[in-house]
PDB file of N, CA and C in Angstrom:
ATOM      1  N   MET A   1      -7.421  -4.184 -11.427  1.00  0.00           N
ATOM      2  CA  MET A   1      -6.241  -3.259 -11.587  1.00  0.00           C
ATOM      3  C   MET A   1      -6.696  -1.871 -11.362  1.00  0.00           C
ATOM      4  N   PRO A   2      -7.256  -1.530 -10.256  1.00  0.00           N
ATOM      5  CA  PRO A   2      -7.890  -0.182  -9.918  1.00  0.00           C
ATOM      6  C   PRO A   2      -6.819   0.814 -10.004  1.00  0.00           C
ATOM      7  N   GLU A   3      -5.689   0.748  -9.721  1.00  0.00           N
ATOM      8  CA  GLU A   3      -4.623   1.763  -9.682  1.00  0.00           C
ATOM      9  C   GLU A   3      -3.853   1.823 -11.000  1.00  0.00           C
ATOM     10  N   HIS A   4      -4.135   1.051 -12.023  1.00  0.00           N
ATOM     11  CA  HIS A   4      -3.461   1.119 -13.315  1.00  0.00           C
ATOM     12  C   HIS A   4      -3.601   2.455 -13.888  1.00  0.00           C
ATOM     13  N   PRO A   5      -2.548   3.084 -14.604  1.00  0.00           N
ATOM     14  CA  PRO A   5      -2.737   4.492 -15.170  1.00  0.00           C
ATOM     15  C   PRO A   5      -3.805   4.534 -16.150  1.00  0.00           C
ATOM     16  N   GLY A   6      -4.224   3.317 -16.897  1.00  0.00           N
ATOM     17  CA  GLY A   6      -5.222   3.419 -17.859  1.00  0.00           C
ATOM     18  C   GLY A   6      -6.619   3.619 -17.172  1.00  0.00           C
ATOM     19  N   VAL A   7      -6.740   2.977 -15.902  1.00  0.00           N
ATOM     20  CA  VAL A   7      -8.093   3.173 -15.288  1.00  0.00           C
ATOM     21  C   VAL A   7      -8.187   4.462 -14.739  1.00  0.00           C
ATOM     22  N   THR A   8      -7.054   5.033 -14.264  1.00  0.00           N
ATOM     23  CA  THR A   8      -7.075   6.407 -13.679  1.00  0.00           C
ATOM     24  C   THR A   8      -7.382   7.454 -14.783  1.00  0.00           C
ATOM     25  N   TRP A   9      -6.897   7.224 -15.923  1.00  0.00           N
ATOM     26  CA  TRP A   9      -7.041   8.095 -17.143  1.00  0.00           C
ATOM     27  C   TRP A   9      -8.501   8.019 -17.550  1.00  0.00           C
ATOM     28  N   ARG A  10      -9.168   6.773 -17.540  1.00  0.00           N
ATOM     29  CA  ARG A  10     -10.571   6.698 -17.806  1.00  0.00           C
ATOM     30  C   ARG A  10     -11.444   7.389 -16.946  1.00  0.00           C
ATOM     31  N   LYS A  11     -11.149   7.133 -15.623  1.00  0.00           N
ATOM     32  CA  LYS A  11     -11.932   7.903 -14.645  1.00  0.00           C
ATOM     33  C   LYS A  11     -11.927   9.434 -14.760  1.00  0.00           C
ATOM     34  N   ARG A  12     -10.810   9.924 -15.157  1.00  0.00           N
ATOM     35  CA  ARG A  12     -10.571  11.331 -15.279  1.00  0.00           C
ATOM     36  C   ARG A  12     -11.235  11.921 -16.573  1.00  0.00           C
ATOM     37  N   VAL A  13     -11.036  11.173 -17.672  1.00  0.00           N
ATOM     38  CA  VAL A  13     -11.490  11.627 -19.023  1.00  0.00           C
ATOM     39  C   VAL A  13     -13.023  11.229 -19.318  1.00  0.00           C
ATOM     40  N   LEU A  14     -13.293  10.117 -18.786  1.00  0.00           N
ATOM     41  CA  LEU A  14     -14.714   9.576 -19.117  1.00  0.00           C
ATOM     42  C   LEU A  14     -15.301   9.262 -17.610  1.00  0.00           C
ATOM     43  N   PRO A  15     -15.558  10.253 -16.957  1.00  0.00           N
ATOM     44  CA  PRO A  15     -16.076   9.976 -15.500  1.00  0.00           C
ATOM     45  C   PRO A  15     -17.390   9.300 -15.417  1.00  0.00           C
ATOM     46  N   ASN A  16     -18.154   9.382 -16.356  1.00  0.00           N
ATOM     47  CA  ASN A  16     -19.622   8.793 -16.331  1.00  0.00           C
ATOM     48  C   ASN A  16     -19.576   7.462 -16.828  1.00  0.00           C
ATOM     49  N   VAL A  17     -18.549   6.811 -17.484  1.00  0.00           N
ATOM     50  CA  VAL A  17     -18.474   5.629 -18.058  1.00  0.00           C
ATOM     51  C   VAL A  17     -18.189   4.647 -16.839  1.00  0.00           C
ATOM     52  N   LYS A  18     -19.182   3.649 -16.793  1.00  0.00           N
ATOM     53  CA  LYS A  18     -18.980   2.632 -15.826  1.00  0.00           C
ATOM     54  C   LYS A  18     -18.768   1.305 -16.525  1.00  0.00           C
ATOM     55  N   PRO A  19     -17.617   0.653 -16.383  1.00  0.00           N
ATOM     56  CA  PRO A  19     -17.425  -0.587 -17.151  1.00  0.00           C
ATOM     57  C   PRO A  19     -18.203  -1.734 -16.777  1.00  0.00           C
ATOM     58  N   ALA A  20     -18.699  -2.377 -17.708  1.00  0.00           N
ATOM     59  CA  ALA A  20     -19.488  -3.631 -17.526  1.00  0.00           C
ATOM     60  C   ALA A  20     -18.624  -4.857 -17.342  1.00  0.00           C
ATOM     61  N   LEU A  21     -17.442  -4.810 -17.883  1.00  0.00           N
ATOM     62  CA  LEU A  21     -16.504  -5.891 -17.687  1.00  0.00           C
ATOM     63  C   LEU A  21     -15.168  -5.317 -17.103  1.00  0.00           C
ATOM     64  N   GLN A  22     -14.522  -6.174 -16.316  1.00  0.00           N
ATOM     65  CA  GLN A  22     -13.144  -5.862 -15.796  1.00  0.00           C
ATOM     66  C   GLN A  22     -12.305  -6.955 -16.080  1.00  0.00           C
ATOM     67  N   ALA A  23     -10.878  -6.664 -16.102  1.00  0.00           N
ATOM     68  CA  ALA A  23      -9.938  -7.556 -16.443  1.00  0.00           C
ATOM     69  C   ALA A  23      -8.769  -7.432 -15.472  1.00  0.00           C
ATOM     70  N   ASN A  24      -8.071  -8.503 -15.126  1.00  0.00           N
ATOM     71  CA  ASN A  24      -6.908  -8.338 -14.202  1.00  0.00           C
ATOM     72  C   ASN A  24      -5.560  -8.552 -14.842  1.00  0.00           C
ATOM     73  N   THR A  25      -5.563  -8.447 -16.252  1.00  0.00           N
ATOM     74  CA  THR A  25      -4.190  -8.439 -17.023  1.00  0.00           C
ATOM     75  C   THR A  25      -4.456  -7.596 -18.213  1.00  0.00           C
ATOM     76  N   MET A  26      -3.300  -7.004 -18.568  1.00  0.00           N
ATOM     77  CA  MET A  26      -3.221  -6.199 -19.836  1.00  0.00           C
ATOM     78  C   MET A  26      -3.599  -7.066 -21.041  1.00  0.00           C
ATOM     79  N   GLN A  27      -3.172  -8.384 -21.075  1.00  0.00           N
ATOM     80  CA  GLN A  27      -3.437  -9.235 -22.126  1.00  0.00           C
ATOM     81  C   GLN A  27      -5.023  -9.345 -22.380  1.00  0.00           C
ATOM     82  N   MET A  28      -5.698  -9.435 -21.265  1.00  0.00           N
ATOM     83  CA  MET A  28      -7.074  -9.719 -21.256  1.00  0.00           C
ATOM     84  C   MET A  28      -7.771  -8.246 -21.654  1.00  0.00           C
ATOM     85  N   VAL A  29      -7.274  -7.169 -21.275  1.00  0.00           N
ATOM     86  CA  VAL A  29      -7.752  -5.892 -21.800  1.00  0.00           C
ATOM     87  C   VAL A  29      -7.656  -5.849 -23.234  1.00  0.00           C
ATOM     88  N   ALA A  30      -6.446  -6.180 -23.687  1.00  0.00           N
ATOM     89  CA  ALA A  30      -6.273  -6.217 -25.194  1.00  0.00           C
ATOM     90  C   ALA A  30      -7.195  -7.053 -25.926  1.00  0.00           C
ATOM     91  N   ARG A  31      -7.402  -8.281 -25.377  1.00  0.00           N
ATOM     92  CA  ARG A  31      -8.332  -9.162 -26.101  1.00  0.00           C
ATOM     93  C   ARG A  31      -9.825  -8.719 -26.194  1.00  0.00           C
ATOM     94  N   MET A  32     -10.252  -8.054 -24.937  1.00  0.00           N
ATOM     95  CA  MET A  32     -11.500  -7.518 -25.009  1.00  0.00           C
ATOM     96  C   MET A  32     -11.771  -6.438 -25.880  1.00  0.00           C
ATOM     97  N   ILE A  33     -10.782  -5.530 -26.029  1.00  0.00           N
ATOM     98  CA  ILE A  33     -10.787  -4.409 -27.036  1.00  0.00           C
ATOM     99  C   ILE A  33     -10.840  -4.992 -28.476  1.00  0.00           C
ATOM    100  N   GLU A  34      -9.987  -5.974 -28.738  1.00  0.00           N
ATOM    101  CA  GLU A  34      -9.926  -6.605 -30.019  1.00  0.00           C
ATOM    102  C   GLU A  34     -11.254  -7.177 -30.425  1.00  0.00           C
ATOM    103  N   GLN A  35     -11.956  -7.730 -29.508  1.00  0.00           N
ATOM    104  CA  GLN A  35     -13.222  -8.363 -29.615  1.00  0.00           C
ATOM    105  C   GLN A  35     -14.404  -7.316 -29.691  1.00  0.00           C
ATOM    106  N   GLY A  36     -14.065  -6.050 -29.631  1.00  0.00           N
ATOM    107  CA  GLY A  36     -15.105  -4.975 -29.737  1.00  0.00           C
ATOM    108  C   GLY A  36     -15.945  -4.783 -28.574  1.00  0.00           C
ATOM    109  N   LEU A  37     -15.357  -5.047 -27.411  1.00  0.00           N
ATOM    110  CA  LEU A  37     -16.156  -5.005 -26.200  1.00  0.00           C
ATOM    111  C   LEU A  37     -15.928  -3.679 -25.548  1.00  0.00           C
ATOM    112  N   GLY A  38     -15.204  -2.709 -26.069  1.00  0.00           N
ATOM    113  CA  GLY A  38     -15.106  -1.437 -25.573  1.00  0.00           C
ATOM    114  C   GLY A  38     -13.802  -0.766 -25.940  1.00  0.00           C
ATOM    115  N   VAL A  39     -13.351   0.331 -25.186  1.00  0.00           N
ATOM    116  CA  VAL A  39     -12.179   1.009 -25.401  1.00  0.00           C
ATOM    117  C   VAL A  39     -11.292   0.845 -24.149  1.00  0.00           C
ATOM    118  N   GLY A  40     -10.010   0.990 -24.329  1.00  0.00           N
ATOM    119  CA  GLY A  40      -9.054   0.911 -23.157  1.00  0.00           C
ATOM    120  C   GLY A  40      -7.627   1.471 -23.566  1.00  0.00           C
ATOM    121  N   ILE A  41      -6.800   1.581 -22.613  1.00  0.00           N
ATOM    122  CA  ILE A  41      -5.477   1.930 -22.866  1.00  0.00           C
ATOM    123  C   ILE A  41      -4.550   0.790 -22.891  1.00  0.00           C
ATOM    124  N   LEU A  42      -3.801   0.775 -24.025  1.00  0.00           N
ATOM    125  CA  LEU A  42      -2.825  -0.334 -24.286  1.00  0.00           C
ATOM    126  C   LEU A  42      -1.447   0.311 -24.539  1.00  0.00           C
ATOM    127  N   ALA A  43      -0.463  -0.521 -24.153  1.00  0.00           N
ATOM    128  CA  ALA A  43       0.863  -0.086 -24.489  1.00  0.00           C
ATOM    129  C   ALA A  43       1.026  -0.407 -26.049  1.00  0.00           C
ATOM    130  N   LEU A  44       1.708   0.525 -26.732  1.00  0.00           N
ATOM    131  CA  LEU A  44       1.842   0.425 -28.198  1.00  0.00           C
ATOM    132  C   LEU A  44       2.335  -0.947 -28.681  1.00  0.00           C
ATOM    133  N   PHE A  45       3.181  -1.596 -27.874  1.00  0.00           N
ATOM    134  CA  PHE A  45       3.676  -2.908 -28.302  1.00  0.00           C
ATOM    135  C   PHE A  45       2.571  -3.938 -28.234  1.00  0.00           C
ATOM    136  N   HIS A  46       1.586  -3.780 -27.397  1.00  0.00           N
ATOM    137  CA  HIS A  46       0.344  -4.611 -27.349  1.00  0.00           C
ATOM    138  C   HIS A  46      -0.547  -4.382 -28.589  1.00  0.00           C
ATOM    139  N   ALA A  47      -0.763  -3.182 -29.003  1.00  0.00           N
ATOM    140  CA  ALA A  47      -1.618  -2.901 -30.029  1.00  0.00           C
ATOM    141  C   ALA A  47      -1.091  -2.893 -31.405  1.00  0.00           C
ATOM    142  N   ARG A  48       0.112  -2.726 -31.643  1.00  0.00           N
ATOM    143  CA  ARG A  48       0.644  -2.570 -32.928  1.00  0.00           C
ATOM    144  C   ARG A  48       0.576  -3.973 -33.771  1.00  0.00           C
ATOM    145  N   GLU A  49       0.375  -5.153 -33.028  1.00  0.00           N
ATOM    146  CA  GLU A  49       0.321  -6.333 -33.842  1.00  0.00           C
ATOM    147  C   GLU A  49      -1.147  -6.498 -34.398  1.00  0.00           C
ATOM    148  N   ASN A  50      -2.119  -5.762 -33.973  1.00  0.00           N
ATOM    149  CA  ASN A  50      -3.464  -5.830 -34.476  1.00  0.00           C
ATOM    150  C   ASN A  50      -3.777  -4.665 -35.246  1.00  0.00           C
ATOM    151  N   LYS A  51      -3.870  -4.807 -36.628  1.00  0.00           N
ATOM    152  CA  LYS A  51      -4.191  -3.690 -37.481  1.00  0.00           C
ATOM    153  C   LYS A  51      -5.651  -3.072 -37.301  1.00  0.00           C
ATOM    154  N   ASP A  52      -6.568  -3.951 -36.614  1.00  0.00           N
ATOM    155  CA  ASP A  52      -7.978  -3.532 -36.483  1.00  0.00           C
ATOM    156  C   ASP A  52      -8.060  -2.593 -35.420  1.00  0.00           C
ATOM    157  N   LEU A  53      -7.082  -2.381 -34.533  1.00  0.00           N
ATOM    158  CA  LEU A  53      -7.124  -1.414 -33.497  1.00  0.00           C
ATOM    159  C   LEU A  53      -6.692  -0.042 -33.968  1.00  0.00           C
ATOM    160  N   VAL A  54      -7.541   0.943 -33.432  1.00  0.00           N
ATOM    161  CA  VAL A  54      -7.332   2.284 -33.932  1.00  0.00           C
ATOM    162  C   VAL A  54      -6.923   3.118 -32.792  1.00  0.00           C
ATOM    163  N   PRO A  55      -5.805   3.742 -32.769  1.00  0.00           N
ATOM    164  CA  PRO A  55      -5.317   4.577 -31.727  1.00  0.00           C
ATOM    165  C   PRO A  55      -6.093   5.874 -31.696  1.00  0.00           C
ATOM    166  N   LEU A  56      -6.685   6.146 -30.601  1.00  0.00           N
ATOM    167  CA  LEU A  56      -7.379   7.533 -30.561  1.00  0.00           C
ATOM    168  C   LEU A  56      -6.616   8.774 -30.253  1.00  0.00           C
ATOM    169  N   LYS A  57      -5.387   8.472 -29.494  1.00  0.00           N
ATOM    170  CA  LYS A  57      -4.481   9.533 -29.214  1.00  0.00           C
ATOM    171  C   LYS A  57      -3.188   8.878 -28.705  1.00  0.00           C
ATOM    172  N   LEU A  58      -2.167   9.496 -29.247  1.00  0.00           N
ATOM    173  CA  LEU A  58      -0.733   8.983 -28.925  1.00  0.00           C
ATOM    174  C   LEU A  58       0.106   9.982 -28.527  1.00  0.00           C
ATOM    175  N   PRO A  59       0.998   9.719 -27.662  1.00  0.00           N
ATOM    176  CA  PRO A  59       0.892   8.913 -26.494  1.00  0.00           C
ATOM    177  C   PRO A  59       0.144   9.700 -25.329  1.00  0.00           C
ATOM    178  N   LEU A  60      -0.369   8.940 -24.351  1.00  0.00           N
ATOM    179  CA  LEU A  60      -0.828   9.583 -23.183  1.00  0.00           C
ATOM    180  C   LEU A  60       0.040   9.825 -22.248  1.00  0.00           C
ATOM    181  N   GLU A  61       0.539  11.066 -21.968  1.00  0.00           N
ATOM    182  CA  GLU A  61       1.605  11.345 -21.171  1.00  0.00           C
ATOM    183  C   GLU A  61       1.532  10.890 -19.782  1.00  0.00           C
ATOM    184  N   ASP A  62       0.351  11.059 -19.288  1.00  0.00           N
ATOM    185  CA  ASP A  62       0.184  10.477 -17.768  1.00  0.00           C
ATOM    186  C   ASP A  62      -0.074   9.003 -17.669  1.00  0.00           C
ATOM    187  N   CYS A  63       0.039   8.276 -18.708  1.00  0.00           N
ATOM    188  CA  CYS A  63      -0.171   6.875 -18.546  1.00  0.00           C
ATOM    189  C   CYS A  63       1.140   6.029 -18.813  1.00  0.00           C
ATOM    190  N   ASN A  64       2.225   6.618 -18.562  1.00  0.00           N
ATOM    191  CA  ASN A  64       3.517   5.835 -18.623  1.00  0.00           C
ATOM    192  C   ASN A  64       3.623   4.846 -17.434  1.00  0.00           C
ATOM    193  N   ILE A  65       4.058   3.647 -17.794  1.00  0.00           N
ATOM    194  CA  ILE A  65       4.275   2.558 -16.736  1.00  0.00           C
ATOM    195  C   ILE A  65       5.564   1.917 -16.983  1.00  0.00           C
ATOM    196  N   ASP A  66       6.144   1.451 -15.964  1.00  0.00           N
ATOM    197  CA  ASP A  66       7.388   0.640 -16.040  1.00  0.00           C
ATOM    198  C   ASP A  66       7.036  -0.736 -16.486  1.00  0.00           C
ATOM    199  N   LEU A  67       7.962  -1.308 -17.208  1.00  0.00           N
ATOM    200  CA  LEU A  67       7.909  -2.734 -17.608  1.00  0.00           C
ATOM    201  C   LEU A  67       9.183  -3.297 -17.169  1.00  0.00           C
ATOM    202  N   TRP A  68       9.029  -4.415 -16.310  1.00  0.00           N
ATOM    203  CA  TRP A  68      10.192  -5.018 -15.765  1.00  0.00           C
ATOM    204  C   TRP A  68      10.233  -6.531 -16.322  1.00  0.00           C
ATOM    205  N   LEU A  69      11.555  -6.932 -16.504  1.00  0.00           N
ATOM    206  CA  LEU A  69      11.890  -8.323 -16.927  1.00  0.00           C
ATOM    207  C   LEU A  69      12.767  -8.757 -15.771  1.00  0.00           C
ATOM    208  N   LEU A  70      12.480  -9.531 -14.996  1.00  0.00           N
ATOM    209  CA  LEU A  70      13.167 -10.049 -13.779  1.00  0.00           C
ATOM    210  C   LEU A  70      13.822 -11.294 -14.165  1.00  0.00           C
ATOM    211  N   THR A  71      15.194 -11.341 -13.737  1.00  0.00           N
ATOM    212  CA  THR A  71      15.929 -12.551 -13.964  1.00  0.00           C
ATOM    213  C   THR A  71      16.709 -12.783 -12.686  1.00  0.00           C
ATOM    214  N   HIS A  72      17.127 -14.038 -12.440  1.00  0.00           N
ATOM    215  CA  HIS A  72      17.870 -14.380 -11.262  1.00  0.00           C
ATOM    216  C   HIS A  72      19.344 -13.835 -11.367  1.00  0.00           C
ATOM    217  N   PRO A  73      19.842 -13.210 -10.391  1.00  0.00           N
ATOM    218  CA  PRO A  73      21.167 -12.645 -10.493  1.00  0.00           C
ATOM    219  C   PRO A  73      22.239 -13.611 -10.940  1.00  0.00           C
ATOM    220  N   GLU A  74      22.064 -14.901 -10.550  1.00  0.00           N
ATOM    221  CA  GLU A  74      23.080 -15.918 -10.967  1.00  0.00           C
ATOM    222  C   GLU A  74      22.981 -16.299 -12.459  1.00  0.00           C
ATOM    223  N   SER A  75      21.814 -16.084 -13.081  1.00  0.00           N
ATOM    224  CA  SER A  75      21.715 -16.527 -14.465  1.00  0.00           C
ATOM    225  C   SER A  75      21.632 -15.434 -15.433  1.00  0.00           C
ATOM    226  N   ARG A  76      21.620 -14.114 -15.126  1.00  0.00           N
ATOM    227  CA  ARG A  76      21.330 -13.143 -16.177  1.00  0.00           C
ATOM    228  C   ARG A  76      22.524 -12.980 -17.012  1.00  0.00           C
ATOM    229  N   HIS A  77      23.688 -13.466 -16.721  1.00  0.00           N
ATOM    230  CA  HIS A  77      24.785 -13.362 -17.416  1.00  0.00           C
ATOM    231  C   HIS A  77      24.846 -14.471 -18.591  1.00  0.00           C
ATOM    232  N   LEU A  78      24.041 -15.444 -18.462  1.00  0.00           N
ATOM    233  CA  LEU A  78      23.994 -16.564 -19.444  1.00  0.00           C
ATOM    234  C   LEU A  78      23.566 -15.971 -20.789  1.00  0.00           C
ATOM    235  N   ARG A  79      24.207 -16.540 -21.740  1.00  0.00           N
ATOM    236  CA  ARG A  79      23.895 -16.108 -23.217  1.00  0.00           C
ATOM    237  C   ARG A  79      22.424 -16.195 -23.456  1.00  0.00           C
ATOM    238  N   ARG A  80      21.787 -17.334 -23.162  1.00  0.00           N
ATOM    239  CA  ARG A  80      20.389 -17.502 -23.544  1.00  0.00           C
ATOM    240  C   ARG A  80      19.463 -16.592 -22.860  1.00  0.00           C
ATOM    241  N   ILE A  81      19.748 -16.315 -21.691  1.00  0.00           N
ATOM    242  CA  ILE A  81      18.958 -15.271 -20.792  1.00  0.00           C
ATOM    243  C   ILE A  81      19.111 -13.963 -21.374  1.00  0.00           C
ATOM    244  N   ALA A  82      20.366 -13.478 -21.669  1.00  0.00           N
ATOM    245  CA  ALA A  82      20.688 -12.239 -22.270  1.00  0.00           C
ATOM    246  C   ALA A  82      19.988 -12.057 -23.621  1.00  0.00           C
ATOM    247  N   GLU A  83      19.929 -13.183 -24.396  1.00  0.00           N
ATOM    248  CA  GLU A  83      19.360 -13.121 -25.747  1.00  0.00           C
ATOM    249  C   GLU A  83      17.860 -12.865 -25.665  1.00  0.00           C
ATOM    250  N   VAL A  84      17.246 -13.610 -24.758  1.00  0.00           N
ATOM    251  CA  VAL A  84      15.772 -13.474 -24.572  1.00  0.00           C
ATOM    252  C   VAL A  84      15.460 -12.004 -24.155  1.00  0.00           C
ATOM    253  N   ALA A  85      16.246 -11.415 -23.161  1.00  0.00           N
ATOM    254  CA  ALA A  85      16.046 -10.081 -22.657  1.00  0.00           C
ATOM    255  C   ALA A  85      16.188  -9.112 -23.841  1.00  0.00           C
ATOM    256  N   ALA A  86      17.213  -9.288 -24.696  1.00  0.00           N
ATOM    257  CA  ALA A  86      17.512  -8.411 -25.821  1.00  0.00           C
ATOM    258  C   ALA A  86      16.387  -8.483 -26.838  1.00  0.00           C
ATOM    259  N   ARG A  87      15.861  -9.603 -27.090  1.00  0.00           N
ATOM    260  CA  ARG A  87      14.682  -9.773 -28.030  1.00  0.00           C
ATOM    261  C   ARG A  87      13.388  -9.145 -27.555  1.00  0.00           C
ATOM    262  N   ILE A  88      13.170  -9.342 -26.285  1.00  0.00           N
ATOM    263  CA  ILE A  88      11.991  -8.618 -25.639  1.00  0.00           C
ATOM    264  C   ILE A  88      12.157  -7.120 -25.651  1.00  0.00           C
ATOM    265  N   GLU A  89      13.331  -6.604 -25.312  1.00  0.00           N
ATOM    266  CA  GLU A  89      13.572  -5.238 -25.400  1.00  0.00           C
ATOM    267  C   GLU A  89      13.428  -4.716 -26.722  1.00  0.00           C
ATOM    268  N   ALA A  90      13.953  -5.334 -27.787  1.00  0.00           N
ATOM    269  CA  ALA A  90      13.764  -4.879 -29.193  1.00  0.00           C
ATOM    270  C   ALA A  90      12.369  -4.809 -29.582  1.00  0.00           C
ATOM    271  N   HIS A  91      11.589  -5.794 -29.125  1.00  0.00           N
ATOM    272  CA  HIS A  91      10.201  -5.827 -29.553  1.00  0.00           C
ATOM    273  C   HIS A  91       9.334  -4.792 -28.966  1.00  0.00           C
ATOM    274  N   VAL A  92       9.616  -4.493 -27.723  1.00  0.00           N
ATOM    275  CA  VAL A  92       8.912  -3.478 -26.968  1.00  0.00           C
ATOM    276  C   VAL A  92       9.296  -2.151 -27.419  1.00  0.00           C
ATOM    277  N   LEU A  93      10.625  -1.816 -27.686  1.00  0.00           N
ATOM    278  CA  LEU A  93      10.971  -0.513 -27.943  1.00  0.00           C
ATOM    279  C   LEU A  93      10.792  -0.207 -29.642  1.00  0.00           C
ATOM    280  N   ARG A  94      10.638  -1.215 -30.345  1.00  0.00           N
ATOM    281  CA  ARG A  94      10.398  -1.062 -31.908  1.00  0.00           C
ATOM    282  C   ARG A  94       9.315  -0.013 -32.120  1.00  0.00           C
ATOM    283  N   ASP A  95       9.531   0.759 -33.025  1.00  0.00           N
ATOM    284  CA  ASP A  95       8.586   1.830 -33.409  1.00  0.00           C
ATOM    285  C   ASP A  95       8.049   2.708 -32.320  1.00  0.00           C
ATOM    286  N   GLY A  96       8.927   2.924 -31.437  1.00  0.00           N
ATOM    287  CA  GLY A  96       8.521   3.799 -30.289  1.00  0.00           C
ATOM    288  C   GLY A  96       7.546   3.205 -29.346  1.00  0.00           C
ATOM    289  N   GLY A  97       7.594   1.913 -29.110  1.00  0.00           N
ATOM    290  CA  GLY A  97       6.666   1.193 -28.168  1.00  0.00           C
ATOM    291  C   GLY A  97       6.760   1.757 -26.859  1.00  0.00           C
ATOM    292  N   LEU A  98       7.888   2.202 -26.381  1.00  0.00           N
ATOM    293  CA  LEU A  98       8.071   2.854 -25.111  1.00  0.00           C
ATOM    294  C   LEU A  98       9.130   3.801 -25.201  1.00  0.00           C
ATOM    295  N   PRO A  99       9.100   4.774 -24.301  1.00  0.00           N
ATOM    296  CA  PRO A  99      10.242   5.849 -24.419  1.00  0.00           C
ATOM    297  C   PRO A  99      11.580   5.268 -24.034  1.00  0.00           C
TER     298      PRO A  99
END
């Protein structure tokens, strides 16, 4: 994920740090941080479930990203689809997870 805002931030703030490990999903980044393998940028909704993670600075203005939930146009009106979307949105936005 070389163009991810977290990678861009790390290169700017910690230019001499060269990662020994790389991940291709934010879930893997979160797991590696939880295992003590280093530091990284996580969305608040990823981090708030683990009380062992310590935020170093909140929020990082230049690390905003969009989160998309895609549904098929023919099914997004279905109650079960709308309910899932609403629950995901509530979880992500809870406690200021995203602006």
